[in-house]
């Protein structure tokens, strides 16, 4: 496969995976992995997809609670990995890079999903609702 074909396969996987797995590094240096909402999946998060337009193919936004352990990890160590997979197709995509808290209020509103009100009762302005921006520096994919 040439680079264009590889990017197309990976882009399709990122757009179709139901969840994305985020690994952060805890205070003892151990990885902590958890499943998160894949905001690139247009069928599950239609309003969020526009936030990715015009950006790097591998840019990832994730949302979480400000008081979560992952945020504590990120503040101490911004090294992280994001993993997408499709077990039926036996393919995966590993992104390794840096993650940070994004403070852009417009981005928070663009990514907001109404179903999250049960977690963030005051909506996109809820002080517990934050956006994480992951920027990949290493990409590795698997495909049959």
Foldseek 3Di string as FASTA:
>chain_A
DDPVVVLVVVLVQLQDFQWKKKWFAAPVRDIDIDTFGSCSPCVVQVLLNVLCPPHDSPKGKGKFFCPDRRVVRLVVPQWMKMKTDDVVQGKMKIFTFGKDWDDDLVNLVSRWDPVCCVVQVVGSVRPGMTMMIGDGPDMDMDGD
